[in-house]
PDB file of all heavy atoms in Angstrom:
ATOM      1  N   ASN A   1    -103.867   7.516 102.479  1.00  0.00           N
ATOM      2  CA  ASN A   1    -103.347   6.245 101.944  1.00  0.00           C
ATOM      3  C   ASN A   1    -101.871   6.373 101.578  1.00  0.00           C
ATOM      4  O   ASN A   1    -101.435   5.931 100.508  1.00  0.00           O
ATOM      5  CB  ASN A   1    -104.152   5.804 100.703  1.00  0.00           C
ATOM      6  CG  ASN A   1    -105.566   5.406 101.053  1.00  0.00           C
ATOM      7  OD1 ASN A   1    -105.832   4.907 102.144  1.00  0.00           O
ATOM      8  ND2 ASN A   1    -106.486   5.641 100.133  1.00  0.00           N
ATOM      9  N   THR A   2    -101.135   6.984 102.460  1.00  0.00           N
ATOM     10  CA  THR A   2     -99.721   7.271 102.195  1.00  0.00           C
ATOM     11  C   THR A   2     -98.850   6.731 103.323  1.00  0.00           C
ATOM     12  O   THR A   2     -99.202   6.858 104.504  1.00  0.00           O
ATOM     13  CB  THR A   2     -99.496   8.782 102.046  1.00  0.00           C
ATOM     14  OG1 THR A   2    -100.301   9.267 100.962  1.00  0.00           O
ATOM     15  CG2 THR A   2     -98.036   9.087 101.749  1.00  0.00           C
ATOM     16  N   VAL A   3     -97.738   6.171 102.936  1.00  0.00           N
ATOM     17  CA  VAL A   3     -96.750   5.703 103.902  1.00  0.00           C
ATOM     18  C   VAL A   3     -95.449   6.462 103.648  1.00  0.00           C
ATOM     19  O   VAL A   3     -95.108   6.769 102.501  1.00  0.00           O
ATOM     20  CB  VAL A   3     -96.539   4.177 103.807  1.00  0.00           C
ATOM     21  CG1 VAL A   3     -96.000   3.757 102.450  1.00  0.00           C
ATOM     22  CG2 VAL A   3     -95.639   3.679 104.937  1.00  0.00           C
ATOM     23  N   TYR A   4     -94.739   6.749 104.728  1.00  0.00           N
ATOM     24  CA  TYR A   4     -93.504   7.500 104.647  1.00  0.00           C
ATOM     25  C   TYR A   4     -92.370   6.679 105.260  1.00  0.00           C
ATOM     26  O   TYR A   4     -92.583   5.858 106.157  1.00  0.00           O
ATOM     27  CB  TYR A   4     -93.624   8.818 105.411  1.00  0.00           C
ATOM     28  CG  TYR A   4     -94.795   9.664 104.997  1.00  0.00           C
ATOM     29  CD1 TYR A   4     -95.996   9.627 105.704  1.00  0.00           C
ATOM     30  CD2 TYR A   4     -94.720  10.497 103.882  1.00  0.00           C
ATOM     31  CE1 TYR A   4     -97.078  10.388 105.322  1.00  0.00           C
ATOM     32  CE2 TYR A   4     -95.798  11.267 103.496  1.00  0.00           C
ATOM     33  CZ  TYR A   4     -96.976  11.218 104.221  1.00  0.00           C
ATOM     34  OH  TYR A   4     -98.053  11.975 103.834  1.00  0.00           O
ATOM     35  N   LEU A   5     -91.175   6.971 104.791  1.00  0.00           N
ATOM     36  CA  LEU A   5     -89.987   6.377 105.400  1.00  0.00           C
ATOM     37  C   LEU A   5     -88.967   7.495 105.597  1.00  0.00           C
ATOM     38  O   LEU A   5     -88.417   8.006 104.623  1.00  0.00           O
ATOM     39  CB  LEU A   5     -89.398   5.268 104.531  1.00  0.00           C
ATOM     40  CG  LEU A   5     -88.216   4.534 105.148  1.00  0.00           C
ATOM     41  CD1 LEU A   5     -88.680   3.687 106.346  1.00  0.00           C
ATOM     42  CD2 LEU A   5     -87.523   3.639 104.114  1.00  0.00           C
ATOM     43  N   GLN A   6     -88.771   7.864 106.837  1.00  0.00           N
ATOM     44  CA  GLN A   6     -87.762   8.855 107.176  1.00  0.00           C
ATOM     45  C   GLN A   6     -86.450   8.119 107.441  1.00  0.00           C
ATOM     46  O   GLN A   6     -86.386   7.273 108.335  1.00  0.00           O
ATOM     47  CB  GLN A   6     -88.172   9.652 108.414  1.00  0.00           C
ATOM     48  CG  GLN A   6     -87.138  10.668 108.870  1.00  0.00           C
ATOM     49  CD  GLN A   6     -86.937  11.778 107.859  1.00  0.00           C
ATOM     50  OE1 GLN A   6     -87.904  12.302 107.308  1.00  0.00           O
ATOM     51  NE2 GLN A   6     -85.681  12.148 107.614  1.00  0.00           N
ATOM     52  N   MET A   7     -85.439   8.451 106.654  1.00  0.00           N
ATOM     53  CA  MET A   7     -84.161   7.759 106.752  1.00  0.00           C
ATOM     54  C   MET A   7     -83.095   8.741 107.221  1.00  0.00           C
ATOM     55  O   MET A   7     -82.812   9.724 106.526  1.00  0.00           O
ATOM     56  CB  MET A   7     -83.773   7.173 105.387  1.00  0.00           C
ATOM     57  CG  MET A   7     -84.839   6.263 104.803  1.00  0.00           C
ATOM     58  SD  MET A   7     -84.320   5.458 103.272  1.00  0.00           S
ATOM     59  CE  MET A   7     -84.230   6.877 102.179  1.00  0.00           C
ATOM     60  N   ASN A   8     -82.534   8.477 108.367  1.00  0.00           N
ATOM     61  CA  ASN A   8     -81.492   9.316 108.937  1.00  0.00           C
ATOM     62  C   ASN A   8     -80.187   8.541 109.056  1.00  0.00           C
ATOM     63  O   ASN A   8     -80.166   7.311 108.998  1.00  0.00           O
ATOM     64  CB  ASN A   8     -81.916   9.811 110.318  1.00  0.00           C
ATOM     65  CG  ASN A   8     -83.157  10.670 110.284  1.00  0.00           C
ATOM     66  OD1 ASN A   8     -83.411  11.391 109.318  1.00  0.00           O
ATOM     67  ND2 ASN A   8     -83.945  10.604 111.352  1.00  0.00           N
ATOM     68  N   SER A   9     -79.100   9.275 109.224  1.00  0.00           N
ATOM     69  CA  SER A   9     -77.770   8.664 109.385  1.00  0.00           C
ATOM     70  C   SER A   9     -77.501   7.639 108.284  1.00  0.00           C
ATOM     71  O   SER A   9     -77.063   6.522 108.543  1.00  0.00           O
ATOM     72  CB  SER A   9     -77.657   7.996 110.765  1.00  0.00           C
ATOM     73  OG  SER A   9     -77.864   8.929 111.802  1.00  0.00           O
ATOM     74  N   LEU A  10     -77.775   8.039 107.068  1.00  0.00           N
ATOM     75  CA  LEU A  10     -77.611   7.119 105.941  1.00  0.00           C
ATOM     76  C   LEU A  10     -76.147   6.765 105.736  1.00  0.00           C
ATOM     77  O   LEU A  10     -75.246   7.593 105.948  1.00  0.00           O
ATOM     78  CB  LEU A  10     -78.183   7.743 104.673  1.00  0.00           C
ATOM     79  CG  LEU A  10     -79.715   7.756 104.601  1.00  0.00           C
ATOM     80  CD1 LEU A  10     -80.208   8.782 103.610  1.00  0.00           C
ATOM     81  CD2 LEU A  10     -80.237   6.376 104.246  1.00  0.00           C
ATOM     82  N   ASN A  11     -75.917   5.537 105.339  1.00  0.00           N
ATOM     83  CA  ASN A  11     -74.567   5.108 104.996  1.00  0.00           C
ATOM     84  C   ASN A  11     -74.575   4.435 103.630  1.00  0.00           C
ATOM     85  O   ASN A  11     -75.647   4.178 103.050  1.00  0.00           O
ATOM     86  CB  ASN A  11     -73.994   4.200 106.085  1.00  0.00           C
ATOM     87  CG  ASN A  11     -74.863   2.997 106.361  1.00  0.00           C
ATOM     88  OD1 ASN A  11     -75.171   2.223 105.444  1.00  0.00           O
ATOM     89  ND2 ASN A  11     -75.270   2.822 107.617  1.00  0.00           N
ATOM     90  N   VAL A  12     -73.395   4.165 103.116  1.00  0.00           N
ATOM     91  CA  VAL A  12     -73.261   3.643 101.760  1.00  0.00           C
ATOM     92  C   VAL A  12     -74.039   2.335 101.592  1.00  0.00           C
ATOM     93  O   VAL A  12     -74.594   2.063 100.520  1.00  0.00           O
ATOM     94  CB  VAL A  12     -71.778   3.447 101.409  1.00  0.00           C
ATOM     95  CG1 VAL A  12     -71.618   2.772 100.058  1.00  0.00           C
ATOM     96  CG2 VAL A  12     -71.044   4.774 101.421  1.00  0.00           C
ATOM     97  N   GLU A  13     -74.110   1.561 102.661  1.00  0.00           N
ATOM     98  CA  GLU A  13     -74.809   0.262 102.589  1.00  0.00           C
ATOM     99  C   GLU A  13     -76.319   0.416 102.438  1.00  0.00           C
ATOM    100  O   GLU A  13     -77.010  -0.561 102.159  1.00  0.00           O
ATOM    101  CB  GLU A  13     -74.504  -0.572 103.840  1.00  0.00           C
ATOM    102  CG  GLU A  13     -73.076  -1.118 103.915  1.00  0.00           C
ATOM    103  CD  GLU A  13     -72.062  -0.043 104.230  1.00  0.00           C
ATOM    104  OE1 GLU A  13     -72.399   0.935 104.938  1.00  0.00           O
ATOM    105  OE2 GLU A  13     -70.907  -0.170 103.747  1.00  0.00           O
ATOM    106  N   ASP A  14     -76.826   1.619 102.599  1.00  0.00           N
ATOM    107  CA  ASP A  14     -78.257   1.864 102.407  1.00  0.00           C
ATOM    108  C   ASP A  14     -78.609   2.106 100.941  1.00  0.00           C
ATOM    109  O   ASP A  14     -79.780   2.243 100.594  1.00  0.00           O
ATOM    110  CB  ASP A  14     -78.714   3.065 103.236  1.00  0.00           C
ATOM    111  CG  ASP A  14     -78.599   2.832 104.724  1.00  0.00           C
ATOM    112  OD1 ASP A  14     -78.996   1.745 105.193  1.00  0.00           O
ATOM    113  OD2 ASP A  14     -78.120   3.744 105.433  1.00  0.00           O
ATOM    114  N   THR A  15     -77.615   2.164 100.089  1.00  0.00           N
ATOM    115  CA  THR A  15     -77.849   2.378  98.664  1.00  0.00           C
ATOM    116  C   THR A  15     -78.639   1.221  98.066  1.00  0.00           C
ATOM    117  O   THR A  15     -78.371   0.060  98.350  1.00  0.00           O
ATOM    118  CB  THR A  15     -76.510   2.523  97.926  1.00  0.00           C
ATOM    119  OG1 THR A  15     -75.865   3.723  98.372  1.00  0.00           O
ATOM    120  CG2 THR A  15     -76.708   2.600  96.422  1.00  0.00           C
ATOM    121  N   GLY A  16     -79.607   1.563  97.219  1.00  0.00           N
ATOM    122  CA  GLY A  16     -80.393   0.536  96.559  1.00  0.00           C
ATOM    123  C   GLY A  16     -81.679   1.108  96.012  1.00  0.00           C
ATOM    124  O   GLY A  16     -81.940   2.312  96.128  1.00  0.00           O
ATOM    125  N   VAL A  17     -82.463   0.243  95.425  1.00  0.00           N
ATOM    126  CA  VAL A  17     -83.805   0.621  94.977  1.00  0.00           C
ATOM    127  C   VAL A  17     -84.778   0.295  96.105  1.00  0.00           C
ATOM    128  O   VAL A  17     -84.794  -0.840  96.596  1.00  0.00           O
ATOM    129  CB  VAL A  17     -84.191  -0.115  93.686  1.00  0.00           C
ATOM    130  CG1 VAL A  17     -85.606   0.287  93.268  1.00  0.00           C
ATOM    131  CG2 VAL A  17     -83.200   0.187  92.573  1.00  0.00           C
ATOM    132  N   TYR A  18     -85.545   1.270  96.486  1.00  0.00           N
ATOM    133  CA  TYR A  18     -86.502   1.110  97.566  1.00  0.00           C
ATOM    134  C   TYR A  18     -87.898   0.926  96.969  1.00  0.00           C
ATOM    135  O   TYR A  18     -88.353   1.754  96.170  1.00  0.00           O
ATOM    136  CB  TYR A  18     -86.463   2.321  98.492  1.00  0.00           C
ATOM    137  CG  TYR A  18     -85.261   2.291  99.415  1.00  0.00           C
ATOM    138  CD1 TYR A  18     -83.973   2.429  98.913  1.00  0.00           C
ATOM    139  CD2 TYR A  18     -85.416   2.106 100.783  1.00  0.00           C
ATOM    140  CE1 TYR A  18     -82.864   2.374  99.754  1.00  0.00           C
ATOM    141  CE2 TYR A  18     -84.323   2.057 101.632  1.00  0.00           C
ATOM    142  CZ  TYR A  18     -83.053   2.196 101.114  1.00  0.00           C
ATOM    143  OH  TYR A  18     -81.962   2.140 101.948  1.00  0.00           O
ATOM    144  N   TYR A  19     -88.540  -0.139  97.384  1.00  0.00           N
ATOM    145  CA  TYR A  19     -89.857  -0.490  96.872  1.00  0.00           C
ATOM    146  C   TYR A  19     -90.897  -0.355  97.973  1.00  0.00           C
ATOM    147  O   TYR A  19     -90.697  -0.822  99.102  1.00  0.00           O
ATOM    148  CB  TYR A  19     -89.886  -1.926  96.366  1.00  0.00           C
ATOM    149  CG  TYR A  19     -88.969  -2.194  95.200  1.00  0.00           C
ATOM    150  CD1 TYR A  19     -87.666  -2.636  95.402  1.00  0.00           C
ATOM    151  CD2 TYR A  19     -89.409  -2.017  93.891  1.00  0.00           C
ATOM    152  CE1 TYR A  19     -86.822  -2.889  94.334  1.00  0.00           C
ATOM    153  CE2 TYR A  19     -88.572  -2.273  92.810  1.00  0.00           C
ATOM    154  CZ  TYR A  19     -87.282  -2.702  93.047  1.00  0.00           C
ATOM    155  OH  TYR A  19     -86.452  -2.956  91.992  1.00  0.00           O
ATOM    156  N   CYS A  20     -92.007   0.234  97.606  1.00  0.00           N
ATOM    157  CA  CYS A  20     -93.172   0.253  98.483  1.00  0.00           C
ATOM    158  C   CYS A  20     -93.994  -0.999  98.198  1.00  0.00           C
ATOM    159  O   CYS A  20     -94.111  -1.427  97.036  1.00  0.00           O
ATOM    160  CB  CYS A  20     -93.986   1.504  98.198  1.00  0.00           C
ATOM    161  SG  CYS A  20     -95.453   1.713  99.218  1.00  0.00           S
ATOM    162  N   ALA A  21     -94.545  -1.578  99.239  1.00  0.00           N
ATOM    163  CA  ALA A  21     -95.313  -2.804  99.077  1.00  0.00           C
ATOM    164  C   ALA A  21     -96.536  -2.775  99.975  1.00  0.00           C
ATOM    165  O   ALA A  21     -96.535  -2.139 101.033  1.00  0.00           O
ATOM    166  CB  ALA A  21     -94.451  -4.020  99.404  1.00  0.00           C
ATOM    167  N   GLY A  22     -97.574  -3.490  99.549  1.00  0.00           N
ATOM    168  CA  GLY A  22     -98.803  -3.537 100.319  1.00  0.00           C
ATOM    169  C   GLY A  22     -99.294  -4.961 100.501  1.00  0.00           C
ATOM    170  O   GLY A  22     -99.104  -5.811  99.623  1.00  0.00           O
ATOM    171  N   LYS A  23     -99.896  -5.205 101.647  1.00  0.00           N
ATOM    172  CA  LYS A  23    -100.396  -6.539 101.963  1.00  0.00           C
ATOM    173  C   LYS A  23    -101.822  -6.419 102.497  1.00  0.00           C
ATOM    174  O   LYS A  23    -102.112  -5.548 103.336  1.00  0.00           O
ATOM    175  CB  LYS A  23     -99.500  -7.201 103.003  1.00  0.00           C
ATOM    176  CG  LYS A  23     -99.851  -8.631 103.322  1.00  0.00           C
ATOM    177  CD  LYS A  23     -98.740  -9.335 104.099  1.00  0.00           C
ATOM    178  CE  LYS A  23     -98.509  -8.764 105.449  1.00  0.00           C
ATOM    179  NZ  LYS A  23     -97.602  -9.587 106.268  1.00  0.00           N
ATOM    180  N   TYR A  24    -102.686  -7.304 102.019  1.00  0.00           N
ATOM    181  CA  TYR A  24    -104.079  -7.299 102.436  1.00  0.00           C
ATOM    182  C   TYR A  24    -104.234  -8.039 103.762  1.00  0.00           C
ATOM    183  O   TYR A  24    -103.374  -8.845 104.132  1.00  0.00           O
ATOM    184  CB  TYR A  24    -104.933  -7.929 101.344  1.00  0.00           C
ATOM    185  CG  TYR A  24    -104.908  -7.124 100.057  1.00  0.00           C
ATOM    186  CD1 TYR A  24    -104.064  -7.488  99.012  1.00  0.00           C
ATOM    187  CD2 TYR A  24    -105.708  -5.991  99.901  1.00  0.00           C
ATOM    188  CE1 TYR A  24    -104.014  -6.747  97.846  1.00  0.00           C
ATOM    189  CE2 TYR A  24    -105.666  -5.246  98.740  1.00  0.00           C
ATOM    190  CZ  TYR A  24    -104.818  -5.631  97.717  1.00  0.00           C
ATOM    191  OH  TYR A  24    -104.773  -4.887  96.565  1.00  0.00           O
ATOM    192  N   PRO A  25    -105.315  -7.774 104.471  1.00  0.00           N
ATOM    193  CA  PRO A  25    -105.528  -8.450 105.759  1.00  0.00           C
ATOM    194  C   PRO A  25    -105.490  -9.960 105.618  1.00  0.00           C
ATOM    195  O   PRO A  25    -106.017 -10.504 104.651  1.00  0.00           O
ATOM    196  CB  PRO A  25    -106.928  -7.977 106.178  1.00  0.00           C
ATOM    197  CG  PRO A  25    -107.114  -6.689 105.475  1.00  0.00           C
ATOM    198  CD  PRO A  25    -106.393  -6.817 104.179  1.00  0.00           C
ATOM    199  N   LEU A  26    -104.845 -10.620 106.535  1.00  0.00           N
ATOM    200  CA  LEU A  26    -104.724 -12.083 106.635  1.00  0.00           C
ATOM    201  C   LEU A  26    -103.837 -12.679 105.535  1.00  0.00           C
ATOM    202  O   LEU A  26    -103.623 -13.874 105.501  1.00  0.00           O
ATOM    203  CB  LEU A  26    -106.102 -12.765 106.612  1.00  0.00           C
ATOM    204  CG  LEU A  26    -107.097 -12.301 107.682  1.00  0.00           C
ATOM    205  CD1 LEU A  26    -108.402 -13.059 107.557  1.00  0.00           C
ATOM    206  CD2 LEU A  26    -106.495 -12.466 109.071  1.00  0.00           C
ATOM    207  N   ALA A  27    -103.343 -11.843 104.644  1.00  0.00           N
ATOM    208  CA  ALA A  27    -102.469 -12.370 103.591  1.00  0.00           C
ATOM    209  C   ALA A  27    -101.081 -12.649 104.150  1.00  0.00           C
ATOM    210  O   ALA A  27    -100.631 -11.995 105.087  1.00  0.00           O
ATOM    211  CB  ALA A  27    -102.376 -11.387 102.438  1.00  0.00           C
ATOM    212  N   VAL A  28    -100.412 -13.614 103.556  1.00  0.00           N
ATOM    213  CA  VAL A  28     -99.057 -13.949 103.986  1.00  0.00           C
ATOM    214  C   VAL A  28     -98.036 -13.077 103.255  1.00  0.00           C
ATOM    215  O   VAL A  28     -97.074 -12.585 103.844  1.00  0.00           O
ATOM    216  CB  VAL A  28     -98.764 -15.436 103.725  1.00  0.00           C
ATOM    217  CG1 VAL A  28     -97.295 -15.755 104.029  1.00  0.00           C
ATOM    218  CG2 VAL A  28     -99.690 -16.308 104.549  1.00  0.00           C
ATOM    219  N   ASP A  29     -98.262 -12.906 101.975  1.00  0.00           N
ATOM    220  CA  ASP A  29     -97.285 -12.204 101.145  1.00  0.00           C
ATOM    221  C   ASP A  29     -97.767 -10.802 100.785  1.00  0.00           C
ATOM    222  O   ASP A  29     -98.964 -10.515 100.770  1.00  0.00           O
ATOM    223  CB  ASP A  29     -97.032 -12.989  99.858  1.00  0.00           C
ATOM    224  CG  ASP A  29     -96.429 -14.352 100.127  1.00  0.00           C
ATOM    225  OD1 ASP A  29     -95.585 -14.453 101.035  1.00  0.00           O
ATOM    226  OD2 ASP A  29     -96.815 -15.312  99.433  1.00  0.00           O
ATOM    227  N   PHE A  30     -96.796  -9.957 100.451  1.00  0.00           N
ATOM    228  CA  PHE A  30     -97.114  -8.640  99.915  1.00  0.00           C
ATOM    229  C   PHE A  30     -97.513  -8.818  98.447  1.00  0.00           C
ATOM    230  O   PHE A  30     -96.755  -9.370  97.655  1.00  0.00           O
ATOM    231  CB  PHE A  30     -95.895  -7.722 100.041  1.00  0.00           C
ATOM    232  CG  PHE A  30     -95.705  -7.202 101.430  1.00  0.00           C
ATOM    233  CD1 PHE A  30     -95.097  -7.983 102.405  1.00  0.00           C
ATOM    234  CD2 PHE A  30     -96.158  -5.938 101.785  1.00  0.00           C
ATOM    235  CE1 PHE A  30     -94.936  -7.510 103.696  1.00  0.00           C
ATOM    236  CE2 PHE A  30     -95.998  -5.457 103.069  1.00  0.00           C
ATOM    237  CZ  PHE A  30     -95.387  -6.241 104.033  1.00  0.00           C
ATOM    238  N   ALA A  31     -98.718  -8.344  98.113  1.00  0.00           N
ATOM    239  CA  ALA A  31     -99.260  -8.570  96.782  1.00  0.00           C
ATOM    240  C   ALA A  31     -99.117  -7.368  95.863  1.00  0.00           C
ATOM    241  O   ALA A  31     -99.142  -7.518  94.645  1.00  0.00           O
ATOM    242  CB  ALA A  31    -100.735  -8.947  96.885  1.00  0.00           C
ATOM    243  N   ALA A  32     -99.003  -6.186  96.429  1.00  0.00           N
ATOM    244  CA  ALA A  32     -98.920  -4.969  95.633  1.00  0.00           C
ATOM    245  C   ALA A  32     -97.528  -4.372  95.775  1.00  0.00           C
ATOM    246  O   ALA A  32     -96.995  -4.278  96.890  1.00  0.00           O
ATOM    247  CB  ALA A  32     -99.961  -3.959  96.094  1.00  0.00           C
TER     248      ALA A  32
END
């Protein structure tokens, strides 16, 4: 139950808070 994000060639514009989100089947929005 794990998701990964490999980020390469990072630049200054990639700075920020990164949020993990989850969406249930058939849902429109991310709820978690």
